[in-house]
């Protein structure tokens, strides 16, 4: 493949990526209700994309299920966790009963989107701007390092049948980049170097989110979740890694103590 072809999507990716970073950082910095609404809208849009992929002939449910998920997230974050859980799981059951095709993938992925959205809100609310920034930067570093290393170095494919562009070189580069982010935050915040290892594990979880979304796209025969973001595809294509990382933090924080302060 020629060099121009290899990097043909770089300009579009960088332009739209910069806009997403600026908007995302503004929402993270604002926190509170603004961040809650931002995450809820992103998750609602991802559900819209998910239903359009899995049941393309059903345009109606895609819209109202996306709205239902956004509303459920906004309600759940203001409830005690015990009461938030059924609110978060209910939209998955509603969607399962309404769409006609690919119900099991919808159930699994919609629950993941809802839990990830709740996890991101919780990290920002409970641990503040710095640790939400850590979560975001680990995912971004994983993605950026993986993209450039994969394009530059190439090599053995990670799982060509499901994700033909993902290479082992890009995968490992993502881990190293995440470790670097973890080291910077450990030194900055005065925590143990265990944060480096947790950052690598979170990078792996982000890559699992990416692979899971790729598997769904291969299952239904589409290249991108949508065309909302130039050079990136849809929101699911861009935030799939964040889904995996946010769920990872939500589940493992009581075990690892990261972000610091929970245990």
Protein backbone atom coordinates (compact mmCIF):
# COMPACT_ATOMS: atom_id res chain seq x y z
CA UNK A 1 0.00 0.00 0.00
CA UNK A 2 1.35 3.44 -0.84
CA UNK A 3 2.08 5.96 1.86
CA UNK A 4 -0.67 8.40 0.77
CA UNK A 5 -3.24 5.59 0.92
CA UNK A 6 -2.00 4.45 4.29
CA UNK A 7 -2.46 7.92 5.78
CA UNK A 8 -5.38 9.05 3.64
CA UNK A 9 -7.72 9.45 6.62
CA UNK A 10 -5.23 11.28 8.84
CA UNK A 11 -6.35 14.86 8.10
CA UNK A 12 -10.02 14.11 8.71
CA UNK A 13 -9.21 12.13 11.86
CA UNK A 14 -7.03 14.90 13.28
CA UNK A 15 -9.53 17.65 12.54
CA UNK A 16 -12.58 15.95 13.99
CA UNK A 17 -10.46 14.45 16.77
CA UNK A 18 -9.33 17.91 17.87
CA UNK A 19 -12.93 19.12 18.02
CA UNK A 20 -13.94 16.08 20.10
CA UNK A 21 -11.03 16.58 22.49
CA UNK A 22 -11.88 20.25 23.05
CA UNK A 23 -15.59 19.61 23.57
CA UNK A 24 -14.89 16.62 25.81
CA UNK A 25 -12.35 18.47 27.94
CA UNK A 26 -14.77 21.38 28.35
CA UNK A 27 -17.47 18.99 29.56
CA UNK A 28 -15.08 17.17 31.92
CA UNK A 29 -13.83 20.48 33.32
CA UNK A 30 -17.39 21.71 33.87
CA UNK A 31 -18.44 18.55 35.69
CA UNK A 32 -21.77 18.33 37.49
CA UNK A 33 -24.99 18.58 35.52
CA UNK A 34 -23.21 19.69 32.34
CA UNK A 35 -21.04 16.58 32.30
CA UNK A 36 -24.00 14.36 33.15
CA UNK A 37 -25.99 15.72 30.19
CA UNK A 38 -22.97 15.41 27.89
CA UNK A 39 -22.43 11.74 28.78
CA UNK A 40 -26.15 10.96 28.60
CA UNK A 41 -26.42 12.45 25.10
CA UNK A 42 -23.33 10.56 23.90
CA UNK A 43 -24.68 7.27 25.26
CA UNK A 44 -28.13 7.91 23.81
CA UNK A 45 -26.57 8.56 20.40
CA UNK A 46 -24.55 5.34 20.67
CA UNK A 47 -27.74 3.38 21.34
CA UNK A 48 -29.27 5.03 18.26
CA UNK A 49 -26.29 3.84 16.22
CA UNK A 50 -26.43 0.38 17.77
CA UNK A 51 -30.10 -0.17 16.90
CA UNK A 52 -29.57 1.16 13.37
CA UNK A 53 -26.79 -1.39 12.89
CA UNK A 54 -28.54 -4.37 14.44
CA UNK A 55 -32.06 -3.69 13.15
CA UNK A 56 -31.66 -1.28 10.21
CA UNK A 57 -35.26 -1.63 9.06
CA UNK A 58 -36.58 -0.35 12.42
CA UNK A 59 -35.90 3.39 12.37
CA UNK A 60 -38.47 4.28 15.03
CA UNK A 61 -37.06 2.29 17.97
CA UNK A 62 -33.57 3.64 17.33
CA UNK A 63 -34.67 7.17 18.19
CA UNK A 64 -36.81 6.54 21.24
CA UNK A 65 -34.51 3.88 22.69
CA UNK A 66 -31.65 6.37 22.45
CA UNK A 67 -33.78 8.94 24.27
CA UNK A 68 -34.78 6.35 26.89
CA UNK A 69 -31.16 5.48 27.61
CA UNK A 70 -30.20 9.15 27.97
CA UNK A 71 -33.11 9.69 30.38
CA UNK A 72 -32.26 6.57 32.38
CA UNK A 73 -28.66 7.70 32.84
CA UNK A 74 -29.71 11.18 33.96
CA UNK A 75 -32.09 9.66 36.50
CA UNK A 76 -29.69 6.95 37.73
CA UNK A 77 -26.80 9.26 38.54
CA UNK A 78 -28.94 11.15 41.06
CA UNK A 79 -30.17 7.98 42.79
CA UNK A 80 -28.38 5.86 45.42
CA UNK A 81 -26.42 3.08 43.64
CA UNK A 82 -28.80 0.33 44.78
CA UNK A 83 -31.72 2.12 43.15
CA UNK A 84 -29.66 3.19 40.13
CA UNK A 85 -28.94 -0.38 39.02
CA UNK A 86 -32.49 -1.39 37.97
CA UNK A 87 -32.94 1.97 36.27
CA UNK A 88 -29.76 1.34 34.25
CA UNK A 89 -30.74 -2.19 33.25
CA UNK A 90 -34.38 -1.48 32.36
CA UNK A 91 -33.75 0.11 28.91
CA UNK A 92 -31.89 -3.04 27.79
CA UNK A 93 -34.98 -5.14 28.54
CA UNK A 94 -37.25 -2.65 26.78
CA UNK A 95 -35.06 -2.66 23.68
CA UNK A 96 -34.78 -6.46 23.74
CA UNK A 97 -38.56 -6.70 23.54
CA UNK A 98 -38.85 -4.17 20.72
CA UNK A 99 -36.18 -4.92 18.14
CA UNK A 100 -36.68 -7.93 15.91
CA UNK A 101 -33.10 -8.91 15.01
CA UNK A 102 -29.86 -9.44 16.91
CA UNK A 103 -31.52 -9.17 20.30
CA UNK A 104 -28.72 -10.80 22.31
CA UNK A 105 -25.99 -8.45 20.97
CA UNK A 106 -28.28 -5.51 21.68
CA UNK A 107 -28.85 -6.63 25.26
CA UNK A 108 -25.14 -7.13 25.96
CA UNK A 109 -23.88 -3.97 24.30
CA UNK A 110 -26.67 -1.70 25.58
CA UNK A 111 -25.97 -2.80 29.16
CA UNK A 112 -22.30 -2.04 28.52
CA UNK A 113 -23.11 1.46 27.23
CA UNK A 114 -25.34 2.21 30.23
CA UNK A 115 -22.82 0.95 32.78
CA UNK A 116 -19.97 2.80 31.06
CA UNK A 117 -21.93 6.05 31.03
CA UNK A 118 -22.73 5.66 34.71
CA UNK A 119 -19.09 4.80 35.40
CA UNK A 120 -17.81 7.95 33.69
CA UNK A 121 -20.27 10.13 35.59
CA UNK A 122 -19.30 8.45 38.87
CA UNK A 123 -15.56 8.90 38.32
CA UNK A 124 -16.03 12.62 37.63
CA UNK A 125 -18.43 13.11 40.54
CA UNK A 126 -16.54 11.10 43.17
CA UNK A 127 -12.88 11.59 42.22
CA UNK A 128 -12.83 14.90 40.41
CA UNK A 129 -11.33 16.34 37.26
CA UNK A 130 -7.83 14.86 37.61
CA UNK A 131 -8.91 11.23 37.71
CA UNK A 132 -11.47 11.63 34.97
CA UNK A 133 -8.66 13.17 32.93
CA UNK A 134 -6.52 10.10 33.71
CA UNK A 135 -9.27 7.83 32.39
CA UNK A 136 -9.66 9.86 29.20
CA UNK A 137 -5.93 10.20 28.53
CA UNK A 138 -5.26 6.48 28.97
CA UNK A 139 -7.91 5.72 26.36
CA UNK A 140 -6.73 8.46 23.99
CA UNK A 141 -3.08 7.45 24.35
CA UNK A 142 -3.99 3.82 23.68
CA UNK A 143 -5.88 4.76 20.55
CA UNK A 144 -3.37 7.26 19.17
CA UNK A 145 -0.31 5.09 19.84
CA UNK A 146 -2.07 2.07 18.39
CA UNK A 147 -3.06 3.96 15.26
CA UNK A 148 0.38 5.37 14.49
CA UNK A 149 2.34 2.25 15.46
CA UNK A 150 -0.02 0.02 13.50
CA UNK A 151 0.20 2.23 10.42
CA UNK A 152 3.98 2.72 10.66
CA UNK A 153 5.18 -0.70 11.80
CA UNK A 154 2.45 -3.01 10.54
CA UNK A 155 3.23 -6.63 11.27
CA UNK A 156 1.17 -9.54 12.50
CA UNK A 157 -2.57 -8.91 12.72
CA UNK A 158 -4.23 -9.23 16.11
CA UNK A 159 -7.54 -10.73 14.93
CA UNK A 160 -7.83 -10.24 11.16
CA UNK A 161 -11.27 -11.82 10.76
CA UNK A 162 -12.88 -9.37 13.19
CA UNK A 163 -10.58 -6.33 13.17
CA UNK A 164 -8.42 -6.48 10.04
CA UNK A 165 -6.58 -3.22 10.74
CA UNK A 166 -5.52 -4.01 14.30
CA UNK A 167 -1.93 -5.27 14.65
CA UNK A 168 0.12 -6.60 17.54
CA UNK A 169 2.51 -3.68 17.14
CA UNK A 170 -0.34 -1.21 17.60
CA UNK A 171 -1.77 -3.20 20.50
CA UNK A 172 1.51 -3.26 22.41
CA UNK A 173 2.18 0.40 21.59
CA UNK A 174 -1.15 1.21 23.20
CA UNK A 175 -0.09 -0.57 26.40
CA UNK A 176 3.21 1.31 26.50
CA UNK A 177 1.47 4.65 25.95
CA UNK A 178 -1.00 3.87 28.74
CA UNK A 179 1.89 2.97 31.05
CA UNK A 180 3.48 6.33 30.29
CA UNK A 181 0.25 8.13 31.18
CA UNK A 182 0.00 6.13 34.39
CA UNK A 183 3.59 7.01 35.32
CA UNK A 184 2.97 10.74 34.77
CA UNK A 185 -0.15 10.68 36.94
CA UNK A 186 1.54 8.58 39.64
CA UNK A 187 4.37 11.09 39.92
CA UNK A 188 2.02 14.08 39.67
CA UNK A 189 -0.43 12.84 42.31
CA UNK A 190 2.11 11.12 44.54
CA UNK A 191 0.53 7.67 44.30
CA UNK A 192 2.29 4.31 44.05
CA UNK A 193 3.57 2.93 40.78
CA UNK A 194 0.71 0.47 40.92
CA UNK A 195 -1.12 3.12 38.91
CA UNK A 196 1.13 2.22 35.96
CA UNK A 197 -0.03 -1.39 36.01
CA UNK A 198 -3.67 -0.38 36.44
CA UNK A 199 -3.33 1.99 33.48
CA UNK A 200 -2.02 -0.85 31.30
CA UNK A 201 -4.92 -3.07 32.38
CA UNK A 202 -7.34 -0.25 31.61
CA UNK A 203 -5.73 0.08 28.18
CA UNK A 204 -6.40 -3.61 27.62
CA UNK A 205 -10.03 -3.11 28.66
CA UNK A 206 -10.30 -0.22 26.19
CA UNK A 207 -8.95 -2.44 23.43
CA UNK A 208 -11.50 -5.10 24.38
CA UNK A 209 -14.22 -2.50 23.91
CA UNK A 210 -12.81 -1.69 20.49
CA UNK A 211 -12.68 -5.36 19.49
CA UNK A 212 -16.22 -5.99 20.75
CA UNK A 213 -17.59 -3.17 18.63
CA UNK A 214 -15.64 -4.44 15.63
CA UNK A 215 -17.20 -7.87 16.12
CA UNK A 216 -20.69 -6.39 16.03
CA UNK A 217 -19.90 -4.48 12.83
CA UNK A 218 -18.56 -7.62 11.16
CA UNK A 219 -21.65 -9.53 12.31
CA UNK A 220 -24.00 -7.10 10.56
CA UNK A 221 -21.67 -6.27 7.65
CA UNK A 222 -21.03 -2.54 8.15
CA UNK A 223 -17.77 -0.60 8.14
CA UNK A 224 -18.76 2.16 10.56
CA UNK A 225 -21.48 2.59 13.17
CA UNK A 226 -22.58 5.78 11.39
CA UNK A 227 -21.09 8.74 9.55
CA UNK A 228 -21.50 11.31 12.33
CA UNK A 229 -17.77 12.02 12.76
CA UNK A 230 -15.56 12.64 9.68
CA UNK A 231 -12.60 10.26 9.62
CA UNK A 232 -13.85 8.30 12.61
CA UNK A 233 -17.25 6.94 11.63
CA UNK A 234 -19.76 7.06 14.43
CA UNK A 235 -19.72 7.72 18.15
CA UNK A 236 -19.54 3.99 18.83
CA UNK A 237 -16.44 3.82 16.63
CA UNK A 238 -14.82 6.60 18.63
CA UNK A 239 -16.00 5.81 22.15
CA UNK A 240 -15.83 2.00 22.07
CA UNK A 241 -12.54 2.08 23.95
CA UNK A 242 -13.98 4.46 26.53
CA UNK A 243 -16.82 2.00 27.13
CA UNK A 244 -14.39 -0.77 28.02
CA UNK A 245 -12.22 1.48 30.19
CA UNK A 246 -15.13 3.02 32.11
CA UNK A 247 -16.66 -0.39 32.88
CA UNK A 248 -13.21 -1.58 33.99
CA UNK A 249 -12.88 1.30 36.47
CA UNK A 250 -16.45 0.84 37.73
CA UNK A 251 -15.81 -2.84 38.47
CA UNK A 252 -12.20 -2.83 39.66
CA UNK A 253 -11.91 0.42 41.64
CA UNK A 254 -12.94 -1.24 44.94
CA UNK A 255 -10.27 -3.92 44.34
CA UNK A 256 -7.35 -1.82 43.15
CA UNK A 257 -7.91 1.42 45.03
CA UNK A 258 -7.59 3.39 41.80
CA UNK A 259 -8.74 6.08 41.40
CA UNK A 260 -7.28 6.76 44.88
CA UNK A 261 -9.64 7.55 47.71
CA UNK A 262 -12.25 4.82 47.26
CA UNK A 263 -10.66 2.38 49.68
